[in-house]
Amino acid sequence: MPVINPIAVVAIIKFTWMKRFLAFFMLLLPIALSAQTKLSANIAEDFSNRVAERYQQKNHQAELFIADQLSKSGTGGLDIDKTMTDLKSDPAALDESLKFLYQYNDCNRQTLIAYLREMGVLSGSVYPLATYTVNKYKNESKALIEEKATIIKMGTMPVAAATPQPIPAKKPATKKLTEEEATTTSYDNTPTAASAGVKEPGDTTAGATTTAASGDDYNWDVRTLFKLRTPQELENLYGKENVVYRGTTDLAGNDAGNAYFVFPDTDNEMQVIFDGDKSPTITFTKPHSKWKSPFGIKVGDPLDKVVKVNGRDFKINGFEWTDGGIVNSWEGGSIAGKGVLVLFKANNSGDPGMYDKVTGDKKVKTDMGVLKKLEVVVDKIEFKSN
């Protein structure tokens, strides 16, 4: 009869239980990781709905900050209002909005949790959202904090609109007021958009006056223009005297009919072509303008900046050819499909040997070193919201 070694028996039992434990652990591991790296549809929808509600009120700074950052990054598209009110339909924008909310809250988990609660996010969604956000962006924390400090220092942090206050009722007079007393009775004089001279689409009030194109009484945010549908609305915003209707060309130089030119022949010149009930096409050809452009791209910007905004290199048509210098493909980058068309030009094309490498019937990848030497910059840019 064989002799049973008790030590071997114990070892076998331990090994068997270890195998079972490891198998169980491996079964749970994907579930645990999934809980930290994915958001369920109901949690995403809850967050999306809370952001939409607060953004539309225009008096919550964090949501305005998110919108501003989404616009700069390009993730928000041209119609940022549409994006901010339906984040659940754009996973990339939803992820980015969480990143910028994390940034707004100084990349601090507890502060983020407190803000999510303040937003009214369901209690069951708060911790998963915070965990997901911190895990996804913890390696970017330092850069995000430094960027926020720069934004504050430059004074470009979005400012929430003041919550309207009711005008207090006039106190009953204990005596009959004289005419002079009646005209000096104190009321709430909180300035409104109209009284401040800042006009919005459709505003035809006398208080919303217009001045020279160099003044600060205009809304310089290009996103405002995507809401317009008629020339009359355009004139209401910027003054009939500052709008002319004349012939124009597309980015390739072809006849494009007529366009409405706002502040013509100035640094702030902008071309608008209306398209019925659809968003108008807006084109810029002048550098040094005051316009706050989608994605932060302006005429005169270097090629490297556009590559950075797009998040990857892209292709442009060879210069001096059909559609020369116009973006051919964004190569799936952040600007792809967002209604942006850019024409580039080379400021330093004096060396034929260099210039010939990027001219003719070819597609030029923006990672070509010669483009930097040619000092390629944005020449014209066209926006059309989807």
Protein backbone atom coordinates (compact mmCIF):
# COMPACT_ATOMS: atom_id res chain seq x y z
CA MET A 1 0.00 0.00 0.00
CA PRO A 2 1.52 3.35 -1.08
CA VAL A 3 2.50 5.80 1.65
CA ILE A 4 0.67 9.15 1.46
CA ASN A 5 2.85 12.14 2.02
CA PRO A 6 0.77 14.71 4.00
CA ILE A 7 2.99 17.58 2.86
CA ALA A 8 2.33 16.71 -0.78
CA VAL A 9 -1.41 16.50 -0.11
CA VAL A 10 -1.40 19.98 1.44
CA ALA A 11 0.59 21.33 -1.49
CA ILE A 12 -1.87 19.84 -3.98
CA ILE A 13 -4.82 21.33 -2.12
CA LYS A 14 -3.16 24.75 -1.99
CA PHE A 15 -2.33 24.59 -5.69
CA THR A 16 -5.90 23.62 -6.56
CA TRP A 17 -7.37 26.49 -4.58
CA MET A 18 -4.83 28.92 -6.02
CA LYS A 19 -5.83 27.89 -9.55
CA ARG A 20 -9.48 28.46 -8.68
CA PHE A 21 -8.70 31.84 -7.14
CA LEU A 22 -6.69 32.93 -10.16
CA ALA A 23 -9.44 31.80 -12.51
CA PHE A 24 -12.00 33.74 -10.49
CA PHE A 25 -9.72 36.79 -10.40
CA MET A 26 -9.19 36.70 -14.15
CA LEU A 27 -12.95 36.48 -14.61
CA LEU A 28 -13.54 39.59 -12.48
CA LEU A 29 -10.59 41.63 -13.76
CA PRO A 30 -12.18 42.64 -17.11
CA ILE A 31 -15.34 43.64 -15.28
CA ALA A 32 -13.40 45.78 -12.83
CA LEU A 33 -11.40 47.42 -15.58
CA SER A 34 -14.53 48.02 -17.64
CA ALA A 35 -16.15 49.80 -14.72
CA GLN A 36 -13.23 52.24 -14.63
CA THR A 37 -12.69 52.74 -18.34
CA LYS A 38 -16.25 52.91 -19.68
CA LEU A 39 -19.36 54.89 -18.95
CA SER A 40 -22.76 53.26 -19.19
CA ALA A 41 -25.27 54.85 -21.54
CA ASN A 42 -27.52 55.98 -18.68
CA ILE A 43 -24.65 57.70 -16.84
CA ALA A 44 -23.51 59.45 -20.03
CA GLU A 45 -27.08 60.59 -20.69
CA ASP A 46 -27.50 61.86 -17.13
CA PHE A 47 -24.32 63.94 -17.35
CA SER A 48 -25.25 65.16 -20.84
CA ASN A 49 -28.69 66.32 -19.67
CA ARG A 50 -27.26 68.20 -16.67
CA VAL A 51 -24.70 70.00 -18.84
CA ALA A 52 -27.38 70.94 -21.39
CA GLU A 53 -29.65 72.44 -18.73
CA ARG A 54 -26.93 74.56 -17.16
CA TYR A 55 -25.27 75.60 -20.42
CA GLN A 56 -28.53 76.99 -21.79
CA GLN A 57 -28.91 79.18 -18.71
CA LYS A 58 -25.61 80.91 -19.60
CA ASN A 59 -24.92 81.69 -15.96
CA HIS A 60 -22.75 78.72 -14.98
CA GLN A 61 -19.08 79.46 -15.57
CA ALA A 62 -17.91 75.83 -15.67
CA GLU A 63 -20.22 74.93 -18.54
CA LEU A 64 -19.19 78.05 -20.46
CA PHE A 65 -15.56 77.09 -19.82
CA ILE A 66 -16.20 73.60 -21.20
CA ALA A 67 -17.80 75.08 -24.33
CA ASP A 68 -14.91 77.47 -24.83
CA GLN A 69 -12.32 74.70 -24.47
CA LEU A 70 -14.27 72.37 -26.76
CA SER A 71 -14.33 75.11 -29.38
CA LYS A 72 -10.60 75.71 -29.09
CA SER A 73 -9.81 72.01 -29.31
CA GLY A 74 -12.13 71.54 -32.27
CA THR A 75 -14.03 68.71 -30.62
CA GLY A 76 -17.12 70.87 -30.21
CA GLY A 77 -17.55 71.43 -33.94
CA LEU A 78 -18.77 74.69 -35.41
CA ASP A 79 -22.17 74.64 -33.72
CA ILE A 80 -21.02 74.49 -30.11
CA ASP A 81 -24.54 75.18 -28.83
CA LYS A 82 -25.78 72.01 -30.52
CA THR A 83 -22.86 69.99 -29.16
CA MET A 84 -23.26 71.25 -25.60
CA THR A 85 -26.96 70.41 -25.54
CA ASP A 86 -26.50 66.86 -26.82
CA LEU A 87 -23.15 65.54 -25.59
CA LYS A 88 -24.46 62.00 -25.34
CA SER A 89 -24.63 61.85 -29.14
CA ASP A 90 -20.93 62.71 -29.50
CA PRO A 91 -18.75 60.40 -27.34
CA ALA A 92 -15.57 62.32 -28.19
CA ALA A 93 -17.09 65.64 -27.12
CA LEU A 94 -18.52 64.06 -23.96
CA ASP A 95 -15.11 62.71 -22.99
CA GLU A 96 -13.49 66.06 -23.67
CA SER A 97 -16.16 67.88 -21.66
CA LEU A 98 -15.34 65.68 -18.68
CA LYS A 99 -11.66 66.49 -19.14
CA PHE A 100 -12.34 70.22 -19.18
CA LEU A 101 -14.66 69.97 -16.16
CA TYR A 102 -11.80 68.15 -14.40
CA GLN A 103 -9.50 70.99 -15.47
CA TYR A 104 -11.97 73.62 -14.25
CA ASN A 105 -11.97 71.89 -10.86
CA ASP A 106 -8.16 71.99 -10.67
CA CYS A 107 -7.84 68.26 -11.45
CA ASN A 108 -8.97 67.48 -7.91
CA ARG A 109 -11.18 64.42 -7.48
CA GLN A 110 -13.05 65.66 -4.42
CA THR A 111 -13.72 69.07 -5.97
CA LEU A 112 -14.94 67.35 -9.12
CA ILE A 113 -17.29 65.13 -7.11
CA ALA A 114 -18.66 68.16 -5.28
CA TYR A 115 -19.29 69.95 -8.57
CA LEU A 116 -21.02 66.94 -10.13
CA ARG A 117 -23.35 66.90 -7.14
CA GLU A 118 -23.96 70.63 -7.50
CA MET A 119 -24.89 70.02 -11.14
CA GLY A 120 -27.61 67.66 -9.99
CA VAL A 121 -26.01 64.51 -11.39
CA LEU A 122 -27.74 61.43 -9.97
CA SER A 123 -26.01 60.08 -6.87
CA GLY A 124 -25.38 56.74 -8.57
CA SER A 125 -23.59 58.50 -11.44
CA VAL A 126 -21.28 60.79 -9.47
CA TYR A 127 -18.56 58.33 -8.42
CA PRO A 128 -18.41 56.43 -11.73
CA LEU A 129 -18.06 59.75 -13.58
CA ALA A 130 -15.33 60.97 -11.24
CA THR A 131 -13.45 57.65 -11.34
CA TYR A 132 -13.68 57.45 -15.13
CA THR A 133 -12.49 61.04 -15.56
CA VAL A 134 -9.59 60.86 -13.10
CA ASN A 135 -8.35 57.55 -14.50
CA LYS A 136 -8.56 58.78 -18.08
CA TYR A 137 -6.87 62.15 -17.59
CA LYS A 138 -4.65 61.80 -14.52
CA ASN A 139 -1.52 61.83 -16.69
CA GLU A 140 -2.58 65.18 -18.15
CA SER A 141 -3.29 66.83 -14.79
CA LYS A 142 -0.14 68.93 -14.63
CA ALA A 143 -0.56 70.30 -18.15
CA LEU A 144 -4.26 71.00 -17.60
CA ILE A 145 -3.61 72.92 -14.39
CA GLU A 146 -0.86 74.97 -16.03
CA GLU A 147 -3.13 75.74 -19.00
CA LYS A 148 -5.92 76.90 -16.72
CA ALA A 149 -3.52 79.19 -14.86
CA THR A 150 -2.49 80.72 -18.20
CA ILE A 151 -6.13 81.24 -19.20
CA ILE A 152 -6.85 83.04 -15.94
CA LYS A 153 -3.68 85.13 -16.19
CA MET A 154 -4.56 86.22 -19.73
CA GLY A 155 -8.07 87.18 -18.60
CA THR A 156 -9.77 84.92 -21.15
CA MET A 157 -11.78 82.81 -18.72
CA PRO A 158 -15.44 82.86 -19.86
CA VAL A 159 -17.67 85.01 -17.68
CA ALA A 160 -21.15 83.80 -16.76
CA ALA A 161 -24.05 86.15 -17.25
CA ALA A 162 -25.35 87.69 -14.07
CA THR A 163 -28.50 86.06 -12.78
CA PRO A 164 -31.34 88.52 -13.49
CA GLN A 165 -32.56 90.22 -10.34
CA PRO A 166 -36.16 91.36 -9.95
CA ILE A 167 -36.66 95.10 -9.90
CA PRO A 168 -37.65 96.01 -6.35
CA ALA A 169 -41.05 97.58 -5.90
CA LYS A 170 -41.07 101.26 -5.13
CA LYS A 171 -41.60 101.88 -1.46
CA PRO A 172 -44.83 103.69 -0.61
CA ALA A 173 -44.15 107.38 -0.30
CA THR A 174 -44.92 108.97 3.03
CA LYS A 175 -45.42 112.24 1.27
CA LYS A 176 -46.20 113.41 -2.21
CA LEU A 177 -42.97 113.37 -4.23
CA THR A 178 -41.86 116.40 -6.12
CA GLU A 179 -41.06 116.02 -9.83
CA GLU A 180 -37.33 116.09 -9.04
CA GLU A 181 -37.65 113.40 -6.35
CA ALA A 182 -39.72 111.18 -8.62
CA THR A 183 -37.07 111.20 -11.33
CA THR A 184 -34.30 110.26 -8.91
CA THR A 185 -36.03 107.34 -7.19
CA SER A 186 -33.59 104.41 -6.98
CA TYR A 187 -34.20 101.26 -9.00
CA ASP A 188 -32.06 98.27 -9.97
CA ASN A 189 -29.87 99.45 -12.85
CA THR A 190 -28.14 96.17 -13.62
CA PRO A 191 -26.98 96.53 -17.25
CA THR A 192 -28.48 94.17 -19.81
CA ALA A 193 -27.02 93.08 -23.14
CA ALA A 194 -29.06 95.75 -24.88
CA SER A 195 -28.14 98.54 -22.49
CA ALA A 196 -24.49 97.58 -22.84
CA GLY A 197 -24.76 97.88 -26.62
CA VAL A 198 -23.96 94.21 -27.27
CA LYS A 199 -26.29 92.85 -29.93
CA GLU A 200 -27.59 89.35 -30.47
CA PRO A 201 -29.27 87.85 -33.57
CA GLY A 202 -32.63 89.48 -34.20
CA ASP A 203 -32.01 92.33 -31.78
CA THR A 204 -33.45 95.50 -33.30
CA THR A 205 -33.74 97.55 -30.12
CA ALA A 206 -32.59 101.12 -30.15
CA GLY A 207 -30.25 100.40 -27.26
CA ALA A 208 -28.23 97.98 -29.36
CA THR A 209 -26.40 100.55 -31.40
CA THR A 210 -23.54 100.07 -33.81
CA THR A 211 -20.28 101.93 -34.09
CA ALA A 212 -17.12 101.71 -36.16
CA ALA A 213 -15.64 98.27 -36.85
CA SER A 214 -12.80 99.04 -34.48
CA GLY A 215 -15.17 99.44 -31.53
CA ASP A 216 -15.97 96.86 -28.87
CA ASP A 217 -19.76 96.99 -29.15
CA TYR A 218 -20.02 93.90 -31.30
CA ASN A 219 -20.21 90.21 -30.62
CA TRP A 220 -16.98 88.99 -32.23
CA ASP A 221 -17.72 85.30 -31.64
CA VAL A 222 -18.09 83.67 -35.08
CA ARG A 223 -20.39 81.02 -33.59
CA THR A 224 -23.10 83.68 -33.38
CA LEU A 225 -23.18 83.90 -37.17
CA PHE A 226 -24.09 80.24 -37.66
CA LYS A 227 -27.50 80.99 -36.14
CA LEU A 228 -28.35 83.61 -38.76
CA ARG A 229 -30.59 82.86 -41.73
CA THR A 230 -31.23 86.26 -43.36
CA PRO A 231 -29.23 89.34 -44.39
CA GLN A 232 -31.55 91.42 -42.19
CA GLU A 233 -30.33 89.58 -39.09
CA LEU A 234 -26.76 90.25 -40.16
CA GLU A 235 -27.45 93.95 -40.57
CA ASN A 236 -29.21 94.06 -37.21
CA LEU A 237 -26.05 92.70 -35.58
CA TYR A 238 -23.39 94.76 -37.30
CA GLY A 239 -25.19 97.74 -38.80
CA LYS A 240 -26.53 98.17 -42.32
CA GLU A 241 -23.78 100.68 -43.03
CA ASN A 242 -21.18 97.97 -42.31
CA VAL A 243 -22.58 95.37 -44.71
CA VAL A 244 -22.22 95.39 -48.52
CA TYR A 245 -23.38 92.89 -51.14
CA ARG A 246 -20.89 92.19 -53.89
CA GLY A 247 -19.19 89.51 -55.97
CA THR A 248 -16.79 87.00 -54.44
CA THR A 249 -14.79 83.87 -55.23
CA ASP A 250 -14.38 80.54 -53.48
CA LEU A 251 -11.11 79.41 -51.89
CA ALA A 252 -9.88 78.07 -55.22
CA GLY A 253 -10.45 81.44 -56.91
CA ASN A 254 -13.57 80.42 -58.84
CA ASP A 255 -16.58 82.72 -59.19
CA ALA A 256 -18.90 82.09 -56.23
CA GLY A 257 -21.57 84.66 -57.02
CA ASN A 258 -22.29 87.36 -54.44
CA ALA A 259 -21.68 87.46 -50.71
CA TYR A 260 -22.48 89.83 -47.87
CA PHE A 261 -19.25 91.49 -46.72
CA VAL A 262 -19.21 92.64 -43.10
CA PHE A 263 -16.74 95.47 -42.33
CA PRO A 264 -15.48 95.36 -45.95
CA ASP A 265 -11.90 96.34 -46.74
CA THR A 266 -10.84 96.29 -43.07
CA ASP A 267 -8.89 93.79 -40.97
CA ASN A 268 -12.26 92.57 -39.66
CA GLU A 269 -13.71 91.81 -43.09
CA MET A 270 -15.90 88.71 -43.16
CA GLN A 271 -17.89 87.18 -46.03
CA VAL A 272 -21.28 85.56 -45.48
CA ILE A 273 -23.24 83.51 -48.03
CA PHE A 274 -26.73 82.53 -46.88
CA ASP A 275 -28.18 79.11 -47.66
CA GLY A 276 -31.91 79.29 -46.93
CA ASP A 277 -32.79 77.46 -43.74
CA LYS A 278 -29.28 76.04 -43.41
CA SER A 279 -26.29 77.56 -41.69
CA PRO A 280 -24.52 80.24 -43.77
CA THR A 281 -21.01 79.84 -45.15
CA ILE A 282 -18.55 82.21 -43.49
CA THR A 283 -15.18 83.06 -45.01
CA PHE A 284 -12.18 85.01 -43.71
CA THR A 285 -9.37 86.34 -45.87
CA LYS A 286 -7.82 89.01 -43.65
CA PRO A 287 -5.23 88.55 -40.88
CA HIS A 288 -5.22 90.45 -37.57
CA SER A 289 -9.01 90.41 -37.17
CA LYS A 290 -10.88 90.60 -33.88
CA TRP A 291 -13.09 87.63 -34.69
CA LYS A 292 -13.06 84.75 -32.24
CA SER A 293 -12.76 81.94 -34.73
CA PRO A 294 -13.88 78.30 -34.31
CA PHE A 295 -10.98 76.04 -33.34
CA GLY A 296 -8.94 79.20 -32.79
CA ILE A 297 -7.70 79.08 -36.41
CA LYS A 298 -7.14 82.43 -38.10
CA VAL A 299 -5.72 83.76 -41.35
CA GLY A 300 -1.94 83.98 -41.02
CA ASP A 301 -1.64 81.07 -38.59
CA PRO A 302 1.33 78.75 -39.30
CA LEU A 303 0.73 75.26 -40.63
CA ASP A 304 2.04 73.73 -37.38
CA LYS A 305 -0.80 75.31 -35.40
CA VAL A 306 -3.47 73.78 -37.64
CA VAL A 307 -1.77 70.38 -37.40
CA LYS A 308 -1.85 70.69 -33.61
CA VAL A 309 -5.53 71.60 -33.59
CA ASN A 310 -6.33 68.69 -35.90
CA GLY A 311 -4.37 66.34 -33.66
CA ARG A 312 -2.48 64.78 -36.57
CA ASP A 313 -0.93 65.55 -39.93
CA PHE A 314 -3.20 65.93 -42.94
CA LYS A 315 -2.94 66.33 -46.71
CA ILE A 316 -3.20 69.43 -48.89
CA ASN A 317 -3.38 69.73 -52.65
CA GLY A 318 -0.11 70.63 -54.37
CA PHE A 319 0.37 74.36 -54.88
CA GLU A 320 0.02 76.03 -58.28
CA TRP A 321 -2.51 73.41 -59.43
CA THR A 322 -6.26 72.76 -59.32
CA ASP A 323 -7.45 73.61 -55.78
CA GLY A 324 -3.80 74.22 -54.95
CA GLY A 325 -3.04 74.72 -51.26
CA ILE A 326 -6.52 73.62 -50.13
CA VAL A 327 -6.83 70.84 -47.56
CA ASN A 328 -7.53 67.59 -49.38
CA SER A 329 -8.09 65.38 -46.33
CA TRP A 330 -7.96 65.94 -42.58
CA GLU A 331 -6.98 62.28 -42.28
CA GLY A 332 -9.55 61.57 -39.58
CA GLY A 333 -8.31 64.32 -37.27
CA SER A 334 -10.33 66.54 -34.94
CA ILE A 335 -11.34 68.91 -37.73
CA ALA A 336 -12.53 66.14 -40.08
CA GLY A 337 -16.21 66.45 -40.94
CA LYS A 338 -16.59 69.69 -38.98
CA GLY A 339 -17.27 72.00 -41.95
CA VAL A 340 -13.84 73.63 -42.12
CA LEU A 341 -12.03 74.34 -45.38
CA VAL A 342 -8.56 75.92 -45.32
CA LEU A 343 -6.38 77.35 -48.07
CA PHE A 344 -2.66 77.57 -47.35
CA LYS A 345 0.03 79.63 -49.05
CA ALA A 346 3.83 79.59 -48.96
CA ASN A 347 5.36 82.87 -47.82
CA ASN A 348 8.85 81.78 -48.82
CA SER A 349 8.57 80.26 -52.29
CA GLY A 350 11.70 81.87 -53.75
CA ASP A 351 13.71 78.63 -53.85
CA PRO A 352 12.41 76.69 -56.89
CA GLY A 353 14.13 73.52 -55.73
CA MET A 354 12.12 73.50 -52.50
CA TYR A 355 8.88 74.83 -53.91
CA ASP A 356 8.76 72.31 -56.76
CA LYS A 357 8.57 69.50 -54.21
CA VAL A 358 5.11 70.64 -53.14
CA THR A 359 3.65 71.97 -56.39
CA GLY A 360 1.72 70.28 -59.15
CA ASP A 361 -0.83 67.48 -59.34
CA LYS A 362 -0.03 65.76 -56.04
CA LYS A 363 -1.19 65.42 -52.45
CA VAL A 364 1.25 66.88 -49.93
CA LYS A 365 1.46 65.49 -46.38
CA THR A 366 1.95 68.20 -43.79
CA ASP A 367 4.82 66.34 -42.12
CA MET A 368 7.12 67.23 -45.03
CA GLY A 369 10.00 69.24 -43.60
CA VAL A 370 10.14 71.50 -46.64
CA LEU A 371 6.76 73.04 -45.71
CA LYS A 372 8.26 74.63 -42.60
CA LYS A 373 11.09 76.12 -44.66
CA LEU A 374 8.53 77.48 -47.11
CA GLU A 375 6.77 79.22 -44.18
CA VAL A 376 3.35 77.85 -45.07
CA VAL A 377 0.47 79.71 -43.39
CA VAL A 378 -3.32 79.94 -43.57
CA ASP A 379 -4.34 82.17 -46.48
CA LYS A 380 -8.13 81.81 -46.34
CA ILE A 381 -10.52 79.85 -44.17
CA GLU A 382 -14.15 78.87 -44.66
CA PHE A 383 -16.62 77.63 -42.06
CA LYS A 384 -20.01 76.04 -42.55
CA SER A 385 -21.80 74.44 -39.60
CA ASN A 386 -23.33 71.04 -40.23
